[in-house]
Amino acid sequence: MPTGNESAPGIAAAQARLSTIPDAAAPDYDQIRRTVDTVVPFVNLVGVRMIELGPGSAVAEIPESPQMSNHLGTVHAGALFLAAEVACAGAFSGIIAPRILHVRTFVLRETKATFFRPGHGRLRAEGTVSSPVLAEVIGRRTEEQFDITGKALVRDEGGALIAKVDLAYFCWLAAA
């Protein structure tokens, strides 16, 4: 956890890779997606991938794999949750793109998951984020601390809703 002006190690590594983007006013969402997709070691270990990222929305995919299963042969609830969280973190990265190099901390505070039916095969989590202060924060150059909410819908390949996950995050931005 950062204690001063530094960012957490994973965030700092991502910022170093993103600092090569020439124009923060015209974000390269594919570059951000590729960077964010590799920044969390646990996500890489499990194999959840971010496959789409835009301004305020992202899609993460759970691969079809026996390692993602529970004892009943369905996709484990932990894998469903992880994909939902990855999708919302990606959505945050997309919407905060103009100030992404100033992110000190972005952490999950609270969550609620509702599971509707067992998941089988490859699943997709579609995440979105919102905050009443976000537009103002992006436009300012000052240090900011604020809350942001996310919602992810996890669906199977046929489009059936498997789970809905609500997430509440805390974000801390350094001054520009």
N, C-alpha and C. Protein backbone atom coordinates (compact mmCIF):
# COMPACT_ATOMS: atom_id res chain seq x y z
N MET A 1 0.84 -1.18 0.00
CA MET A 1 0.00 0.00 0.00
C MET A 1 0.89 1.24 0.00
N PRO A 2 0.60 2.22 -0.83
CA PRO A 2 1.45 3.40 -0.87
C PRO A 2 1.36 4.18 0.44
N THR A 3 2.46 4.79 0.82
CA THR A 3 2.50 5.56 2.06
C THR A 3 2.74 7.03 1.80
N GLY A 4 3.18 7.41 0.63
CA GLY A 4 3.46 8.80 0.30
C GLY A 4 2.99 9.11 -1.09
N ASN A 5 3.88 9.65 -1.90
CA ASN A 5 3.52 10.00 -3.27
C ASN A 5 3.68 8.84 -4.24
N GLU A 6 4.21 7.72 -3.77
CA GLU A 6 4.43 6.59 -4.67
C GLU A 6 3.14 5.81 -4.88
N SER A 7 3.10 5.08 -5.97
CA SER A 7 1.97 4.21 -6.27
C SER A 7 2.32 2.80 -5.83
N ALA A 8 1.31 1.95 -5.70
CA ALA A 8 1.53 0.54 -5.41
C ALA A 8 2.37 -0.07 -6.53
N PRO A 9 3.18 -1.11 -6.25
CA PRO A 9 4.09 -1.67 -7.27
C PRO A 9 3.42 -2.04 -8.58
N GLY A 10 2.28 -2.71 -8.54
CA GLY A 10 1.59 -3.10 -9.78
C GLY A 10 1.12 -1.89 -10.56
N ILE A 11 0.61 -0.89 -9.86
CA ILE A 11 0.17 0.33 -10.52
C ILE A 11 1.36 1.05 -11.13
N ALA A 12 2.46 1.13 -10.39
CA ALA A 12 3.66 1.80 -10.90
C ALA A 12 4.17 1.11 -12.16
N ALA A 13 4.16 -0.21 -12.19
CA ALA A 13 4.61 -0.94 -13.38
C ALA A 13 3.70 -0.65 -14.57
N ALA A 14 2.40 -0.64 -14.33
CA ALA A 14 1.46 -0.34 -15.41
C ALA A 14 1.64 1.09 -15.90
N GLN A 15 1.84 2.03 -14.98
CA GLN A 15 2.04 3.43 -15.37
C GLN A 15 3.29 3.59 -16.22
N ALA A 16 4.34 2.85 -15.90
CA ALA A 16 5.57 2.93 -16.70
C ALA A 16 5.30 2.48 -18.13
N ARG A 17 4.53 1.41 -18.30
CA ARG A 17 4.20 0.95 -19.65
C ARG A 17 3.27 1.91 -20.36
N LEU A 18 2.34 2.51 -19.63
CA LEU A 18 1.37 3.42 -20.24
C LEU A 18 1.96 4.79 -20.54
N SER A 19 3.08 5.13 -19.90
CA SER A 19 3.67 6.45 -20.11
C SER A 19 4.18 6.64 -21.53
N THR A 20 4.24 5.57 -22.29
CA THR A 20 4.68 5.68 -23.69
C THR A 20 3.55 6.10 -24.62
N ILE A 21 2.32 6.15 -24.12
CA ILE A 21 1.20 6.60 -24.94
C ILE A 21 1.36 8.09 -25.16
N PRO A 22 1.41 8.54 -26.41
CA PRO A 22 1.76 9.93 -26.69
C PRO A 22 0.74 10.97 -26.27
N ASP A 23 -0.56 10.68 -26.29
CA ASP A 23 -1.56 11.71 -26.06
C ASP A 23 -2.65 11.20 -25.14
N ALA A 24 -2.61 11.64 -23.87
CA ALA A 24 -3.62 11.20 -22.90
C ALA A 24 -5.01 11.70 -23.27
N ALA A 25 -5.09 12.76 -24.07
CA ALA A 25 -6.40 13.29 -24.47
C ALA A 25 -7.08 12.36 -25.49
N ALA A 26 -6.29 11.54 -26.18
CA ALA A 26 -6.83 10.57 -27.14
C ALA A 26 -6.33 9.19 -26.73
N PRO A 27 -6.93 8.61 -25.68
CA PRO A 27 -6.41 7.36 -25.12
C PRO A 27 -6.38 6.21 -26.13
N ASP A 28 -5.35 5.41 -26.03
CA ASP A 28 -5.23 4.19 -26.81
C ASP A 28 -5.79 3.06 -25.95
N TYR A 29 -7.09 2.79 -26.10
CA TYR A 29 -7.76 1.82 -25.24
C TYR A 29 -7.21 0.41 -25.41
N ASP A 30 -6.73 0.07 -26.59
CA ASP A 30 -6.16 -1.26 -26.77
C ASP A 30 -4.85 -1.38 -26.00
N GLN A 31 -4.03 -0.34 -26.00
CA GLN A 31 -2.78 -0.34 -25.21
C GLN A 31 -3.11 -0.44 -23.72
N ILE A 32 -4.11 0.31 -23.28
CA ILE A 32 -4.52 0.24 -21.87
C ILE A 32 -5.01 -1.17 -21.55
N ARG A 33 -5.83 -1.76 -22.42
CA ARG A 33 -6.33 -3.12 -22.19
C ARG A 33 -5.18 -4.12 -22.07
N ARG A 34 -4.22 -4.04 -22.99
CA ARG A 34 -3.09 -4.97 -22.95
C ARG A 34 -2.28 -4.81 -21.66
N THR A 35 -2.12 -3.59 -21.20
CA THR A 35 -1.36 -3.33 -19.98
C THR A 35 -2.12 -3.81 -18.75
N VAL A 36 -3.37 -3.39 -18.63
CA VAL A 36 -4.18 -3.76 -17.47
C VAL A 36 -4.37 -5.28 -17.41
N ASP A 37 -4.43 -5.92 -18.55
CA ASP A 37 -4.64 -7.36 -18.63
C ASP A 37 -3.50 -8.15 -18.00
N THR A 38 -2.35 -7.55 -17.83
CA THR A 38 -1.19 -8.29 -17.31
C THR A 38 -0.69 -7.79 -15.96
N VAL A 39 -1.33 -6.80 -15.36
CA VAL A 39 -0.75 -6.14 -14.20
C VAL A 39 -0.97 -6.87 -12.87
N VAL A 40 -1.99 -7.71 -12.76
CA VAL A 40 -2.29 -8.38 -11.48
C VAL A 40 -1.84 -9.84 -11.56
N PRO A 41 -0.82 -10.22 -10.79
CA PRO A 41 -0.28 -11.58 -10.87
C PRO A 41 -1.33 -12.67 -10.66
N PHE A 42 -2.24 -12.50 -9.71
CA PHE A 42 -3.25 -13.53 -9.45
C PHE A 42 -4.16 -13.73 -10.66
N VAL A 43 -4.54 -12.65 -11.31
CA VAL A 43 -5.40 -12.76 -12.50
C VAL A 43 -4.67 -13.54 -13.59
N ASN A 44 -3.37 -13.27 -13.75
CA ASN A 44 -2.58 -14.00 -14.74
C ASN A 44 -2.49 -15.48 -14.39
N LEU A 45 -2.33 -15.79 -13.12
CA LEU A 45 -2.25 -17.18 -12.68
C LEU A 45 -3.54 -17.94 -13.01
N VAL A 46 -4.67 -17.31 -12.76
CA VAL A 46 -5.97 -17.95 -12.97
C VAL A 46 -6.33 -18.03 -14.45
N GLY A 47 -5.91 -17.05 -15.22
CA GLY A 47 -6.17 -17.09 -16.65
C GLY A 47 -7.34 -16.26 -17.13
N VAL A 48 -7.93 -15.45 -16.24
CA VAL A 48 -8.99 -14.53 -16.67
C VAL A 48 -8.34 -13.47 -17.56
N ARG A 49 -8.95 -13.18 -18.70
CA ARG A 49 -8.39 -12.22 -19.67
C ARG A 49 -9.36 -11.08 -19.90
N MET A 50 -8.82 -9.88 -20.04
CA MET A 50 -9.62 -8.74 -20.44
C MET A 50 -9.61 -8.69 -21.96
N ILE A 51 -10.76 -8.82 -22.57
CA ILE A 51 -10.80 -8.91 -24.03
C ILE A 51 -11.32 -7.64 -24.70
N GLU A 52 -11.99 -6.77 -23.94
CA GLU A 52 -12.47 -5.50 -24.48
C GLU A 52 -12.33 -4.44 -23.40
N LEU A 53 -12.03 -3.21 -23.80
CA LEU A 53 -11.93 -2.10 -22.86
C LEU A 53 -12.25 -0.81 -23.60
N GLY A 54 -13.10 -0.01 -23.01
CA GLY A 54 -13.45 1.29 -23.58
C GLY A 54 -13.65 2.29 -22.46
N PRO A 55 -14.15 3.47 -22.77
CA PRO A 55 -14.35 4.49 -21.74
C PRO A 55 -15.53 4.16 -20.82
N GLY A 56 -15.26 3.48 -19.73
CA GLY A 56 -16.29 3.16 -18.75
C GLY A 56 -16.88 1.78 -18.86
N SER A 57 -16.37 0.95 -19.76
CA SER A 57 -16.85 -0.42 -19.86
C SER A 57 -15.71 -1.35 -20.28
N ALA A 58 -15.83 -2.60 -19.88
CA ALA A 58 -14.82 -3.60 -20.25
C ALA A 58 -15.45 -4.98 -20.16
N VAL A 59 -14.83 -5.92 -20.84
CA VAL A 59 -15.29 -7.31 -20.82
C VAL A 59 -14.10 -8.20 -20.47
N ALA A 60 -14.31 -9.07 -19.48
CA ALA A 60 -13.31 -10.06 -19.10
C ALA A 60 -13.89 -11.44 -19.40
N GLU A 61 -13.00 -12.37 -19.69
CA GLU A 61 -13.44 -13.71 -20.08
C GLU A 61 -12.80 -14.75 -19.18
N ILE A 62 -13.63 -15.70 -18.74
CA ILE A 62 -13.16 -16.86 -17.99
C ILE A 62 -12.98 -17.98 -19.00
N PRO A 63 -11.78 -18.54 -19.11
CA PRO A 63 -11.59 -19.60 -20.09
C PRO A 63 -12.32 -20.88 -19.68
N GLU A 64 -12.67 -21.67 -20.67
CA GLU A 64 -13.25 -22.98 -20.39
C GLU A 64 -12.10 -23.88 -19.96
N SER A 65 -12.15 -24.33 -18.70
CA SER A 65 -11.04 -25.10 -18.16
C SER A 65 -11.51 -25.88 -16.93
N PRO A 66 -11.08 -27.12 -16.78
CA PRO A 66 -11.44 -27.88 -15.57
C PRO A 66 -10.94 -27.20 -14.29
N GLN A 67 -9.86 -26.42 -14.39
CA GLN A 67 -9.32 -25.74 -13.22
C GLN A 67 -10.25 -24.64 -12.70
N MET A 68 -11.21 -24.21 -13.51
CA MET A 68 -12.16 -23.17 -13.10
C MET A 68 -13.40 -23.77 -12.43
N SER A 69 -13.45 -25.10 -12.35
CA SER A 69 -14.65 -25.78 -11.86
C SER A 69 -14.67 -25.95 -10.35
N ASN A 70 -15.86 -26.11 -9.84
CA ASN A 70 -16.04 -26.50 -8.45
C ASN A 70 -16.30 -28.02 -8.40
N HIS A 71 -16.68 -28.52 -7.25
CA HIS A 71 -16.90 -29.96 -7.07
C HIS A 71 -18.15 -30.47 -7.80
N LEU A 72 -18.98 -29.55 -8.30
CA LEU A 72 -20.19 -29.93 -9.03
C LEU A 72 -19.99 -29.91 -10.55
N GLY A 73 -18.79 -29.50 -10.98
CA GLY A 73 -18.51 -29.45 -12.40
C GLY A 73 -18.96 -28.16 -13.08
N THR A 74 -19.36 -27.17 -12.29
CA THR A 74 -19.73 -25.86 -12.85
C THR A 74 -18.61 -24.86 -12.54
N VAL A 75 -18.65 -23.71 -13.17
CA VAL A 75 -17.62 -22.70 -12.93
C VAL A 75 -17.72 -22.22 -11.48
N HIS A 76 -16.60 -22.21 -10.80
CA HIS A 76 -16.52 -21.84 -9.38
C HIS A 76 -16.94 -20.38 -9.19
N ALA A 77 -17.65 -20.12 -8.09
CA ALA A 77 -18.11 -18.76 -7.78
C ALA A 77 -16.94 -17.78 -7.68
N GLY A 78 -15.80 -18.25 -7.20
CA GLY A 78 -14.62 -17.38 -7.10
C GLY A 78 -14.14 -16.93 -8.47
N ALA A 79 -14.20 -17.81 -9.45
CA ALA A 79 -13.82 -17.44 -10.82
C ALA A 79 -14.81 -16.44 -11.40
N LEU A 80 -16.10 -16.64 -11.12
CA LEU A 80 -17.12 -15.70 -11.58
C LEU A 80 -16.86 -14.32 -10.99
N PHE A 81 -16.60 -14.28 -9.68
CA PHE A 81 -16.34 -13.00 -9.03
C PHE A 81 -15.08 -12.34 -9.58
N LEU A 82 -14.02 -13.11 -9.76
CA LEU A 82 -12.78 -12.54 -10.27
C LEU A 82 -12.99 -11.91 -11.64
N ALA A 83 -13.69 -12.58 -12.51
CA ALA A 83 -13.95 -12.02 -13.84
C ALA A 83 -14.75 -10.73 -13.74
N ALA A 84 -15.73 -10.69 -12.84
CA ALA A 84 -16.53 -9.48 -12.64
C ALA A 84 -15.65 -8.33 -12.15
N GLU A 85 -14.78 -8.62 -11.20
CA GLU A 85 -13.91 -7.57 -10.65
C GLU A 85 -12.92 -7.09 -11.70
N VAL A 86 -12.37 -7.99 -12.48
CA VAL A 86 -11.43 -7.62 -13.55
C VAL A 86 -12.14 -6.73 -14.57
N ALA A 87 -13.37 -7.08 -14.92
CA ALA A 87 -14.12 -6.28 -15.90
C ALA A 87 -14.36 -4.86 -15.37
N CYS A 88 -14.74 -4.74 -14.11
CA CYS A 88 -14.98 -3.40 -13.56
C CYS A 88 -13.69 -2.61 -13.39
N ALA A 89 -12.61 -3.27 -12.99
CA ALA A 89 -11.32 -2.57 -12.91
C ALA A 89 -10.90 -2.09 -14.30
N GLY A 90 -11.14 -2.90 -15.31
CA GLY A 90 -10.86 -2.47 -16.68
C GLY A 90 -11.71 -1.30 -17.10
N ALA A 91 -12.99 -1.33 -16.73
CA ALA A 91 -13.88 -0.22 -17.06
C ALA A 91 -13.38 1.06 -16.40
N PHE A 92 -12.90 0.95 -15.15
CA PHE A 92 -12.32 2.11 -14.47
C PHE A 92 -11.11 2.62 -15.24
N SER A 93 -10.24 1.72 -15.66
CA SER A 93 -9.04 2.13 -16.41
C SER A 93 -9.42 2.87 -17.68
N GLY A 94 -10.48 2.43 -18.33
CA GLY A 94 -10.93 3.10 -19.54
C GLY A 94 -11.48 4.49 -19.29
N ILE A 95 -12.28 4.62 -18.23
CA ILE A 95 -12.89 5.92 -17.99
C ILE A 95 -11.91 6.92 -17.39
N ILE A 96 -10.91 6.43 -16.65
CA ILE A 96 -9.93 7.31 -16.02
C ILE A 96 -8.72 7.54 -16.95
N ALA A 97 -8.79 7.03 -18.17
CA ALA A 97 -7.66 7.09 -19.11
C ALA A 97 -6.98 8.46 -19.19
N PRO A 98 -7.71 9.57 -19.23
CA PRO A 98 -7.01 10.86 -19.31
C PRO A 98 -6.12 11.15 -18.10
N ARG A 99 -6.38 10.49 -16.97
CA ARG A 99 -5.55 10.69 -15.76
C ARG A 99 -4.96 9.38 -15.25
N ILE A 100 -4.89 8.39 -16.09
CA ILE A 100 -4.47 7.06 -15.64
C ILE A 100 -3.05 7.06 -15.05
N LEU A 101 -2.20 7.95 -15.50
CA LEU A 101 -0.84 8.00 -14.97
C LEU A 101 -0.78 8.61 -13.58
N HIS A 102 -1.90 9.13 -13.09
CA HIS A 102 -1.94 9.75 -11.76
C HIS A 102 -2.60 8.86 -10.71
N VAL A 103 -3.00 7.64 -11.09
CA VAL A 103 -3.65 6.74 -10.13
C VAL A 103 -2.62 6.27 -9.11
N ARG A 104 -2.87 6.57 -7.84
CA ARG A 104 -2.02 6.07 -6.75
C ARG A 104 -2.58 4.75 -6.22
N THR A 105 -3.88 4.74 -6.00
CA THR A 105 -4.53 3.58 -5.42
C THR A 105 -5.91 3.40 -6.04
N PHE A 106 -6.25 2.17 -6.31
CA PHE A 106 -7.60 1.81 -6.74
C PHE A 106 -7.88 0.47 -6.08
N VAL A 107 -8.72 0.47 -5.05
CA VAL A 107 -8.95 -0.75 -4.27
C VAL A 107 -10.44 -1.00 -4.08
N LEU A 108 -10.77 -2.26 -4.00
CA LEU A 108 -12.14 -2.69 -3.76
C LEU A 108 -12.46 -2.55 -2.28
N ARG A 109 -13.58 -1.90 -1.98
CA ARG A 109 -14.01 -1.73 -0.58
C ARG A 109 -15.11 -2.71 -0.18
N GLU A 110 -16.04 -2.91 -1.10
CA GLU A 110 -17.22 -3.69 -0.75
C GLU A 110 -17.79 -4.33 -2.01
N THR A 111 -18.44 -5.46 -1.84
CA THR A 111 -19.04 -6.12 -3.00
C THR A 111 -20.26 -6.93 -2.59
N LYS A 112 -21.12 -7.13 -3.55
CA LYS A 112 -22.28 -8.01 -3.37
C LYS A 112 -22.46 -8.79 -4.67
N ALA A 113 -22.48 -10.10 -4.55
CA ALA A 113 -22.66 -10.96 -5.72
C ALA A 113 -23.98 -11.72 -5.60
N THR A 114 -24.71 -11.76 -6.69
CA THR A 114 -25.95 -12.53 -6.76
C THR A 114 -25.78 -13.55 -7.88
N PHE A 115 -25.93 -14.82 -7.55
CA PHE A 115 -25.75 -15.89 -8.51
C PHE A 115 -27.13 -16.43 -8.91
N PHE A 116 -27.39 -16.48 -10.21
CA PHE A 116 -28.70 -16.87 -10.71
C PHE A 116 -28.78 -18.32 -11.18
N ARG A 117 -27.69 -18.82 -11.76
CA ARG A 117 -27.69 -20.20 -12.26
C ARG A 117 -26.24 -20.65 -12.38
N PRO A 118 -26.01 -21.95 -12.43
CA PRO A 118 -24.64 -22.44 -12.61
C PRO A 118 -24.08 -22.02 -13.96
N GLY A 119 -22.80 -21.75 -13.98
CA GLY A 119 -22.13 -21.40 -15.23
C GLY A 119 -21.35 -22.58 -15.77
N HIS A 120 -21.36 -22.72 -17.09
CA HIS A 120 -20.62 -23.80 -17.76
C HIS A 120 -19.84 -23.20 -18.92
N GLY A 121 -18.66 -23.74 -19.18
CA GLY A 121 -17.88 -23.32 -20.35
C GLY A 121 -17.27 -21.94 -20.18
N ARG A 122 -17.01 -21.32 -21.31
CA ARG A 122 -16.41 -19.98 -21.32
C ARG A 122 -17.49 -18.96 -20.94
N LEU A 123 -17.14 -18.07 -19.99
CA LEU A 123 -18.08 -17.06 -19.52
C LEU A 123 -17.48 -15.67 -19.72
N ARG A 124 -18.37 -14.68 -19.89
CA ARG A 124 -17.93 -13.29 -20.07
C ARG A 124 -18.54 -12.41 -18.99
N ALA A 125 -17.72 -11.56 -18.41
CA ALA A 125 -18.19 -10.56 -17.45
C ALA A 125 -18.12 -9.20 -18.12
N GLU A 126 -19.27 -8.52 -18.17
CA GLU A 126 -19.35 -7.19 -18.78
C GLU A 126 -19.43 -6.18 -17.65
N GLY A 127 -18.39 -5.36 -17.50
CA GLY A 127 -18.32 -4.43 -16.38
C GLY A 127 -18.50 -2.98 -16.80
N THR A 128 -19.16 -2.22 -15.94
CA THR A 128 -19.30 -0.77 -16.12
C THR A 128 -19.01 -0.11 -14.78
N VAL A 129 -18.62 1.17 -14.82
CA VAL A 129 -18.38 1.94 -13.60
C VAL A 129 -19.05 3.30 -13.71
N SER A 130 -19.32 3.87 -12.53
CA SER A 130 -19.89 5.22 -12.50
C SER A 130 -19.55 5.88 -11.17
N SER A 131 -19.55 7.20 -11.20
CA SER A 131 -19.33 8.00 -10.00
C SER A 131 -19.90 9.38 -10.28
N PRO A 132 -20.60 9.97 -9.30
CA PRO A 132 -21.16 11.29 -9.54
C PRO A 132 -20.09 12.37 -9.71
N VAL A 133 -18.88 12.13 -9.25
CA VAL A 133 -17.82 13.16 -9.34
C VAL A 133 -16.81 12.89 -10.45
N LEU A 134 -16.96 11.78 -11.14
CA LEU A 134 -15.92 11.35 -12.07
C LEU A 134 -15.61 12.36 -13.17
N ALA A 135 -16.61 12.92 -13.81
CA ALA A 135 -16.36 13.88 -14.89
C ALA A 135 -15.57 15.08 -14.38
N GLU A 136 -15.91 15.55 -13.19
CA GLU A 136 -15.19 16.69 -12.61
C GLU A 136 -13.75 16.31 -12.28
N VAL A 137 -13.57 15.15 -11.69
CA VAL A 137 -12.23 14.68 -11.29
C VAL A 137 -11.31 14.58 -12.49
N ILE A 138 -11.82 14.02 -13.58
CA ILE A 138 -10.99 13.85 -14.78
C ILE A 138 -10.57 15.20 -15.33
N GLY A 139 -11.43 16.19 -15.23
CA GLY A 139 -11.13 17.51 -15.76
C GLY A 139 -10.19 18.35 -14.91
N ARG A 140 -10.06 18.00 -13.63
CA ARG A 140 -9.17 18.77 -12.75
C ARG A 140 -7.76 18.19 -12.77
N ARG A 141 -6.83 18.92 -12.21
CA ARG A 141 -5.44 18.47 -12.15
C ARG A 141 -4.97 18.32 -10.70
N THR A 142 -5.90 18.34 -9.76
CA THR A 142 -5.57 18.30 -8.34
C THR A 142 -5.57 16.86 -7.82
N GLU A 143 -4.99 16.69 -6.62
CA GLU A 143 -5.07 15.39 -5.96
C GLU A 143 -6.53 15.14 -5.61
N GLU A 144 -6.97 13.91 -5.80
CA GLU A 144 -8.37 13.57 -5.58
C GLU A 144 -8.49 12.22 -4.89
N GLN A 145 -9.46 12.12 -4.00
CA GLN A 145 -9.84 10.84 -3.42
C GLN A 145 -11.35 10.74 -3.56
N PHE A 146 -11.82 9.63 -4.09
CA PHE A 146 -13.26 9.50 -4.34
C PHE A 146 -13.66 8.04 -4.42
N ASP A 147 -14.96 7.82 -4.32
CA ASP A 147 -15.53 6.49 -4.45
C ASP A 147 -16.10 6.32 -5.85
N ILE A 148 -16.09 5.09 -6.31
CA ILE A 148 -16.63 4.77 -7.63
C ILE A 148 -17.33 3.42 -7.52
N THR A 149 -18.44 3.27 -8.20
CA THR A 149 -19.17 2.00 -8.15
C THR A 149 -19.07 1.28 -9.49
N GLY A 150 -19.11 -0.02 -9.40
CA GLY A 150 -19.07 -0.85 -10.60
C GLY A 150 -20.18 -1.88 -10.57
N LYS A 151 -20.57 -2.32 -11.75
CA LYS A 151 -21.55 -3.40 -11.87
C LYS A 151 -21.09 -4.30 -12.99
N ALA A 152 -21.11 -5.60 -12.73
CA ALA A 152 -20.74 -6.57 -13.76
C ALA A 152 -21.84 -7.60 -13.90
N LEU A 153 -22.12 -7.93 -15.14
CA LEU A 153 -23.04 -9.01 -15.46
C LEU A 153 -22.23 -10.13 -16.09
N VAL A 154 -22.34 -11.32 -15.52
CA VAL A 154 -21.61 -12.48 -16.03
C VAL A 154 -22.59 -13.34 -16.82
N ARG A 155 -22.24 -13.63 -18.07
CA ARG A 155 -23.13 -14.38 -18.97
C ARG A 155 -22.38 -15.56 -19.58
N ASP A 156 -23.16 -16.57 -19.94
CA ASP A 156 -22.57 -17.70 -20.66
C ASP A 156 -22.55 -17.40 -22.15
N GLU A 157 -22.05 -18.36 -22.94
CA GLU A 157 -21.91 -18.13 -24.38
C GLU A 157 -23.24 -17.94 -25.09
N GLY A 158 -24.32 -18.43 -24.50
CA GLY A 158 -25.65 -18.24 -25.07
C GLY A 158 -26.31 -16.94 -24.64
N GLY A 159 -25.66 -16.19 -23.76
CA GLY A 159 -26.20 -14.92 -23.30
C GLY A 159 -27.00 -15.00 -22.01
N ALA A 160 -27.15 -16.20 -21.43
CA ALA A 160 -27.91 -16.34 -20.19
C ALA A 160 -27.15 -15.68 -19.04
N LEU A 161 -27.88 -14.96 -18.19
CA LEU A 161 -27.29 -14.28 -17.05
C LEU A 161 -26.96 -15.30 -15.95
N ILE A 162 -25.70 -15.37 -15.59
CA ILE A 162 -25.21 -16.30 -14.57
C ILE A 162 -25.11 -15.60 -13.22
N ALA A 163 -24.59 -14.37 -13.22
CA ALA A 163 -24.39 -13.65 -11.96
C ALA A 163 -24.38 -12.15 -12.21
N LYS A 164 -24.72 -11.41 -11.16
CA LYS A 164 -24.59 -9.95 -11.16
C LYS A 164 -23.75 -9.59 -9.95
N VAL A 165 -22.75 -8.73 -10.15
CA VAL A 165 -21.87 -8.35 -9.06
C VAL A 165 -21.82 -6.83 -8.98
N ASP A 166 -22.12 -6.31 -7.78
CA ASP A 166 -22.00 -4.87 -7.51
C ASP A 166 -20.73 -4.67 -6.70
N LEU A 167 -19.95 -3.65 -7.08
CA LEU A 167 -18.66 -3.40 -6.45
C LEU A 167 -18.54 -1.93 -6.07
N ALA A 168 -17.90 -1.66 -4.94
CA ALA A 168 -17.62 -0.28 -4.52
C ALA A 168 -16.12 -0.15 -4.33
N TYR A 169 -15.52 0.83 -4.99
CA TYR A 169 -14.07 1.04 -4.97
C TYR A 169 -13.73 2.39 -4.35
N PHE A 170 -12.49 2.50 -3.90
CA PHE A 170 -11.90 3.77 -3.49
C PHE A 170 -10.77 4.07 -4.46
N CYS A 171 -10.69 5.31 -4.90
CA CYS A 171 -9.62 5.73 -5.81
C CYS A 171 -8.92 6.96 -5.26
N TRP A 172 -7.61 6.98 -5.43
CA TRP A 172 -6.79 8.12 -5.01
C TRP A 172 -5.93 8.49 -6.20
N LEU A 173 -6.07 9.73 -6.67
CA LEU A 173 -5.29 10.25 -7.78
C LEU A 173 -4.30 11.29 -7.27
N ALA A 174 -3.08 11.25 -7.78
CA ALA A 174 -2.09 12.29 -7.49
C ALA A 174 -2.42 13.52 -8.33
N ALA A 175 -1.90 14.66 -7.90
CA ALA A 175 -2.06 15.88 -8.69
C ALA A 175 -1.33 15.71 -10.02
N ALA A 176 -1.88 16.30 -11.05
CA ALA A 176 -1.27 16.20 -12.39
C ALA A 176 -0.09 17.14 -12.51
